[in-house]
Amino acid sequence: MLALLLGIGVSGLALRFLSHTDIVGVKAFFLGLMRFDWQPLPDHPALYVHLFLVASLMIVFPFSKLLHAPGVFFSPSRNQADDPRERRHVAAWAAQFDAKN
């Protein structure tokens, strides 16, 4: 995973600073994909490497541990109050055991 992310970053920086590609052509290609109006992709080897690495990451991503990161936002501890000393919570199923003691 880290190699893929690093490769995507390095190839993107190489496209920007070392071997310039036709950005307008790339934009026309992707807009053509969305509008079902196929346009040719600029013939640039570094662009093909970059797009291949991005597609590889998109294939591997659902099966990787990188998908655990968004789970932080669905964690119950983010939605719970942090006041155990001020207010004691007893679950409904545990109230019967607490009443006997």
N, C-alpha and C. Protein backbone atom coordinates (compact mmCIF):
# COMPACT_ATOMS: atom_id res chain seq x y z
N MET A 1 0.81 -1.19 0.00
CA MET A 1 0.00 0.00 0.00
C MET A 1 0.86 1.26 0.00
N LEU A 2 1.83 1.26 0.88
CA LEU A 2 2.68 2.44 0.97
C LEU A 2 3.45 2.66 -0.32
N ALA A 3 3.87 1.58 -0.94
CA ALA A 3 4.58 1.71 -2.22
C ALA A 3 3.66 2.27 -3.29
N LEU A 4 2.40 1.83 -3.29
CA LEU A 4 1.44 2.37 -4.26
C LEU A 4 1.22 3.87 -4.04
N LEU A 5 1.00 4.25 -2.79
CA LEU A 5 0.79 5.67 -2.49
C LEU A 5 2.01 6.50 -2.85
N LEU A 6 3.18 5.98 -2.52
CA LEU A 6 4.41 6.69 -2.84
C LEU A 6 4.61 6.77 -4.36
N GLY A 7 4.31 5.68 -5.07
CA GLY A 7 4.43 5.69 -6.52
C GLY A 7 3.47 6.67 -7.18
N ILE A 8 2.26 6.76 -6.65
CA ILE A 8 1.29 7.72 -7.20
C ILE A 8 1.78 9.15 -6.97
N GLY A 9 2.29 9.41 -5.79
CA GLY A 9 2.80 10.75 -5.51
C GLY A 9 4.00 11.12 -6.36
N VAL A 10 4.94 10.18 -6.48
CA VAL A 10 6.15 10.45 -7.27
C VAL A 10 5.81 10.61 -8.74
N SER A 11 4.93 9.74 -9.27
CA SER A 11 4.59 9.87 -10.69
C SER A 11 3.77 11.13 -10.95
N GLY A 12 2.95 11.54 -10.00
CA GLY A 12 2.22 12.79 -10.16
C GLY A 12 3.14 14.00 -10.15
N LEU A 13 4.11 13.98 -9.24
CA LEU A 13 5.09 15.08 -9.22
C LEU A 13 5.95 15.08 -10.48
N ALA A 14 6.29 13.88 -10.97
CA ALA A 14 7.07 13.80 -12.21
C ALA A 14 6.27 14.36 -13.38
N LEU A 15 4.97 14.10 -13.40
CA LEU A 15 4.14 14.65 -14.48
C LEU A 15 4.07 16.17 -14.40
N ARG A 16 4.12 16.68 -13.19
CA ARG A 16 3.99 18.13 -13.03
C ARG A 16 5.30 18.87 -13.29
N PHE A 17 6.39 18.32 -12.78
CA PHE A 17 7.63 19.08 -12.82
C PHE A 17 8.66 18.59 -13.85
N LEU A 18 8.70 17.29 -14.14
CA LEU A 18 9.74 16.78 -15.02
C LEU A 18 9.30 16.66 -16.48
N SER A 19 8.27 15.90 -16.70
CA SER A 19 7.80 15.70 -18.08
C SER A 19 6.35 16.15 -18.16
N HIS A 20 6.15 17.31 -18.69
CA HIS A 20 4.83 17.92 -18.72
C HIS A 20 3.93 17.17 -19.69
N THR A 21 2.66 17.03 -19.30
CA THR A 21 1.69 16.39 -20.17
C THR A 21 0.59 17.39 -20.51
N ASP A 22 -0.21 17.04 -21.46
CA ASP A 22 -1.29 17.91 -21.91
C ASP A 22 -2.46 17.79 -20.93
N ILE A 23 -2.53 18.70 -19.99
CA ILE A 23 -3.56 18.68 -18.96
C ILE A 23 -4.94 18.90 -19.57
N VAL A 24 -5.03 19.74 -20.57
CA VAL A 24 -6.32 20.00 -21.22
C VAL A 24 -6.82 18.73 -21.90
N GLY A 25 -5.91 17.96 -22.49
CA GLY A 25 -6.28 16.70 -23.11
C GLY A 25 -6.74 15.67 -22.09
N VAL A 26 -6.07 15.64 -20.94
CA VAL A 26 -6.47 14.72 -19.86
C VAL A 26 -7.85 15.10 -19.34
N LYS A 27 -8.08 16.40 -19.17
CA LYS A 27 -9.40 16.87 -18.71
C LYS A 27 -10.48 16.53 -19.73
N ALA A 28 -10.17 16.71 -21.01
CA ALA A 28 -11.14 16.39 -22.06
C ALA A 28 -11.45 14.89 -22.07
N PHE A 29 -10.43 14.06 -21.81
CA PHE A 29 -10.63 12.61 -21.77
C PHE A 29 -11.59 12.23 -20.64
N PHE A 30 -11.34 12.75 -19.42
CA PHE A 30 -12.17 12.37 -18.28
C PHE A 30 -13.57 12.99 -18.36
N LEU A 31 -13.68 14.19 -18.89
CA LEU A 31 -15.02 14.75 -19.11
C LEU A 31 -15.77 13.96 -20.17
N GLY A 32 -15.05 13.48 -21.17
CA GLY A 32 -15.65 12.63 -22.19
C GLY A 32 -16.13 11.31 -21.62
N LEU A 33 -15.39 10.77 -20.63
CA LEU A 33 -15.86 9.55 -19.98
C LEU A 33 -17.17 9.79 -19.24
N MET A 34 -17.28 10.92 -18.58
CA MET A 34 -18.49 11.21 -17.82
C MET A 34 -19.68 11.51 -18.73
N ARG A 35 -19.41 12.09 -19.88
CA ARG A 35 -20.50 12.49 -20.79
C ARG A 35 -20.73 11.48 -21.92
N PHE A 36 -20.02 10.35 -21.87
CA PHE A 36 -20.09 9.34 -22.93
C PHE A 36 -19.74 9.92 -24.30
N ASP A 37 -18.78 10.82 -24.31
CA ASP A 37 -18.26 11.42 -25.54
C ASP A 37 -16.76 11.16 -25.53
N TRP A 38 -16.35 9.98 -26.03
CA TRP A 38 -14.99 9.51 -25.89
C TRP A 38 -13.99 10.43 -26.58
N GLN A 39 -12.97 10.82 -25.86
CA GLN A 39 -11.87 11.65 -26.37
C GLN A 39 -10.58 10.86 -26.21
N PRO A 40 -9.59 11.11 -27.05
CA PRO A 40 -8.33 10.37 -26.91
C PRO A 40 -7.53 10.86 -25.70
N LEU A 41 -6.90 9.90 -25.04
CA LEU A 41 -6.01 10.22 -23.91
C LEU A 41 -4.65 10.61 -24.48
N PRO A 42 -4.03 11.68 -23.95
CA PRO A 42 -2.71 12.07 -24.47
C PRO A 42 -1.71 10.92 -24.36
N ASP A 43 -0.92 10.72 -25.41
CA ASP A 43 0.04 9.62 -25.48
C ASP A 43 1.31 10.01 -24.71
N HIS A 44 1.29 9.70 -23.42
CA HIS A 44 2.41 10.06 -22.55
C HIS A 44 2.67 8.89 -21.61
N PRO A 45 3.84 8.26 -21.65
CA PRO A 45 4.10 7.06 -20.84
C PRO A 45 3.99 7.31 -19.33
N ALA A 46 4.45 8.45 -18.85
CA ALA A 46 4.37 8.73 -17.41
C ALA A 46 2.91 8.88 -16.96
N LEU A 47 2.07 9.40 -17.83
CA LEU A 47 0.65 9.51 -17.52
C LEU A 47 0.03 8.12 -17.40
N TYR A 48 0.42 7.21 -18.30
CA TYR A 48 -0.09 5.85 -18.24
C TYR A 48 0.34 5.15 -16.95
N VAL A 49 1.57 5.37 -16.53
CA VAL A 49 2.06 4.79 -15.27
C VAL A 49 1.26 5.35 -14.10
N HIS A 50 1.05 6.64 -14.08
CA HIS A 50 0.31 7.28 -13.00
C HIS A 50 -1.13 6.75 -12.94
N LEU A 51 -1.79 6.69 -14.07
CA LEU A 51 -3.17 6.21 -14.09
C LEU A 51 -3.26 4.73 -13.74
N PHE A 52 -2.26 3.93 -14.13
CA PHE A 52 -2.25 2.53 -13.76
C PHE A 52 -2.10 2.36 -12.25
N LEU A 53 -1.23 3.16 -11.64
CA LEU A 53 -1.06 3.09 -10.18
C LEU A 53 -2.32 3.52 -9.45
N VAL A 54 -2.99 4.56 -9.93
CA VAL A 54 -4.24 5.01 -9.32
C VAL A 54 -5.31 3.93 -9.45
N ALA A 55 -5.42 3.31 -10.63
CA ALA A 55 -6.40 2.24 -10.83
C ALA A 55 -6.09 1.04 -9.93
N SER A 56 -4.81 0.73 -9.76
CA SER A 56 -4.41 -0.37 -8.87
C SER A 56 -4.81 -0.07 -7.44
N LEU A 57 -4.62 1.16 -7.00
CA LEU A 57 -5.02 1.53 -5.64
C LEU A 57 -6.54 1.44 -5.48
N MET A 58 -7.28 1.83 -6.51
CA MET A 58 -8.74 1.75 -6.43
C MET A 58 -9.21 0.29 -6.35
N ILE A 59 -8.49 -0.62 -6.96
CA ILE A 59 -8.85 -2.04 -6.90
C ILE A 59 -8.50 -2.62 -5.54
N VAL A 60 -7.35 -2.27 -5.00
CA VAL A 60 -6.87 -2.86 -3.75
C VAL A 60 -7.51 -2.20 -2.52
N PHE A 61 -7.93 -0.96 -2.64
CA PHE A 61 -8.39 -0.17 -1.49
C PHE A 61 -9.50 -0.83 -0.66
N PRO A 62 -10.55 -1.40 -1.26
CA PRO A 62 -11.60 -1.98 -0.43
C PRO A 62 -11.14 -3.17 0.40
N PHE A 63 -10.08 -3.84 0.00
CA PHE A 63 -9.59 -5.02 0.71
C PHE A 63 -8.43 -4.71 1.64
N SER A 64 -8.07 -3.45 1.77
CA SER A 64 -6.88 -3.08 2.53
C SER A 64 -7.24 -2.49 3.89
N LYS A 65 -6.22 -2.27 4.67
CA LYS A 65 -6.42 -1.65 5.98
C LYS A 65 -6.62 -0.15 5.87
N LEU A 66 -6.41 0.42 4.69
CA LEU A 66 -6.63 1.84 4.51
C LEU A 66 -8.10 2.20 4.70
N LEU A 67 -8.98 1.24 4.49
CA LEU A 67 -10.41 1.48 4.64
C LEU A 67 -10.80 1.57 6.11
N HIS A 68 -9.91 1.19 7.01
CA HIS A 68 -10.21 1.31 8.44
C HIS A 68 -10.19 2.77 8.91
N ALA A 69 -9.49 3.62 8.20
CA ALA A 69 -9.38 5.02 8.62
C ALA A 69 -10.72 5.74 8.66
N PRO A 70 -11.62 5.59 7.68
CA PRO A 70 -12.93 6.25 7.81
C PRO A 70 -13.77 5.71 8.95
N GLY A 71 -13.45 4.51 9.44
CA GLY A 71 -14.20 3.93 10.55
C GLY A 71 -14.10 4.73 11.84
N VAL A 72 -13.09 5.58 11.94
CA VAL A 72 -12.95 6.43 13.12
C VAL A 72 -14.17 7.33 13.27
N PHE A 73 -14.72 7.77 12.15
CA PHE A 73 -15.86 8.68 12.20
C PHE A 73 -17.16 7.97 12.56
N PHE A 74 -17.18 6.64 12.49
CA PHE A 74 -18.36 5.87 12.87
C PHE A 74 -18.19 5.21 14.22
N SER A 75 -17.14 5.53 14.93
CA SER A 75 -16.84 4.93 16.21
C SER A 75 -17.83 5.42 17.27
N PRO A 76 -18.36 4.51 18.08
CA PRO A 76 -19.31 4.95 19.11
C PRO A 76 -18.68 5.87 20.16
N SER A 77 -17.40 5.75 20.38
CA SER A 77 -16.77 6.58 21.40
C SER A 77 -16.75 8.06 21.02
N ARG A 78 -16.91 8.36 19.71
CA ARG A 78 -16.99 9.77 19.30
C ARG A 78 -18.33 10.38 19.65
N ASN A 79 -19.36 9.54 19.83
CA ASN A 79 -20.71 10.03 20.08
C ASN A 79 -21.13 9.91 21.53
N GLN A 80 -20.31 9.30 22.37
CA GLN A 80 -20.66 9.10 23.77
C GLN A 80 -20.13 10.24 24.63
N ALA A 81 -20.89 10.55 25.64
CA ALA A 81 -20.44 11.58 26.58
C ALA A 81 -19.33 11.02 27.47
N ASP A 82 -18.38 11.85 27.79
CA ASP A 82 -17.27 11.42 28.64
C ASP A 82 -17.51 11.93 30.07
N ASP A 83 -18.55 11.35 30.72
CA ASP A 83 -18.87 11.77 32.08
C ASP A 83 -19.21 10.57 32.97
N PRO A 84 -18.32 9.56 33.06
CA PRO A 84 -18.66 8.39 33.86
C PRO A 84 -18.66 8.68 35.36
N ARG A 85 -17.93 9.69 35.81
CA ARG A 85 -17.92 9.98 37.24
C ARG A 85 -19.11 10.83 37.66
N GLU A 86 -19.60 11.64 36.77
CA GLU A 86 -20.74 12.50 37.11
C GLU A 86 -22.06 11.74 37.05
N ARG A 87 -22.18 10.85 36.10
CA ARG A 87 -23.45 10.17 35.90
C ARG A 87 -23.16 8.71 35.55
N ARG A 88 -23.67 7.78 36.34
CA ARG A 88 -23.43 6.36 36.10
C ARG A 88 -24.54 5.82 35.21
N HIS A 89 -24.14 5.18 34.13
CA HIS A 89 -25.10 4.59 33.21
C HIS A 89 -25.25 3.10 33.52
N VAL A 90 -26.46 2.66 33.71
CA VAL A 90 -26.75 1.24 33.90
C VAL A 90 -27.67 0.82 32.77
N ALA A 91 -27.24 -0.18 32.02
CA ALA A 91 -28.05 -0.67 30.91
C ALA A 91 -29.33 -1.30 31.44
N ALA A 92 -30.37 -1.32 30.60
CA ALA A 92 -31.67 -1.85 31.02
C ALA A 92 -31.57 -3.31 31.41
N TRP A 93 -30.78 -4.08 30.70
CA TRP A 93 -30.66 -5.49 31.02
C TRP A 93 -29.86 -5.73 32.30
N ALA A 94 -29.04 -4.77 32.69
CA ALA A 94 -28.21 -4.93 33.89
C ALA A 94 -28.92 -4.37 35.12
N ALA A 95 -30.02 -3.67 34.96
CA ALA A 95 -30.71 -3.07 36.11
C ALA A 95 -31.23 -4.16 37.05
N GLN A 96 -31.65 -5.29 36.50
CA GLN A 96 -32.17 -6.37 37.36
C GLN A 96 -31.09 -6.93 38.27
N PHE A 97 -29.85 -6.99 37.80
CA PHE A 97 -28.76 -7.49 38.62
C PHE A 97 -28.35 -6.45 39.65
N ASP A 98 -28.43 -5.18 39.32
CA ASP A 98 -28.04 -4.11 40.21
C ASP A 98 -29.04 -3.97 41.36
N ALA A 99 -30.31 -4.29 41.14
CA ALA A 99 -31.33 -4.14 42.16
C ALA A 99 -31.20 -5.20 43.24
N LYS A 100 -30.66 -6.36 42.91
CA LYS A 100 -30.51 -7.45 43.89
C LYS A 100 -29.40 -7.18 44.89
N ASN A 101 -28.44 -6.37 44.54
CA ASN A 101 -27.29 -6.10 45.44
C ASN A 101 -27.53 -4.93 46.32
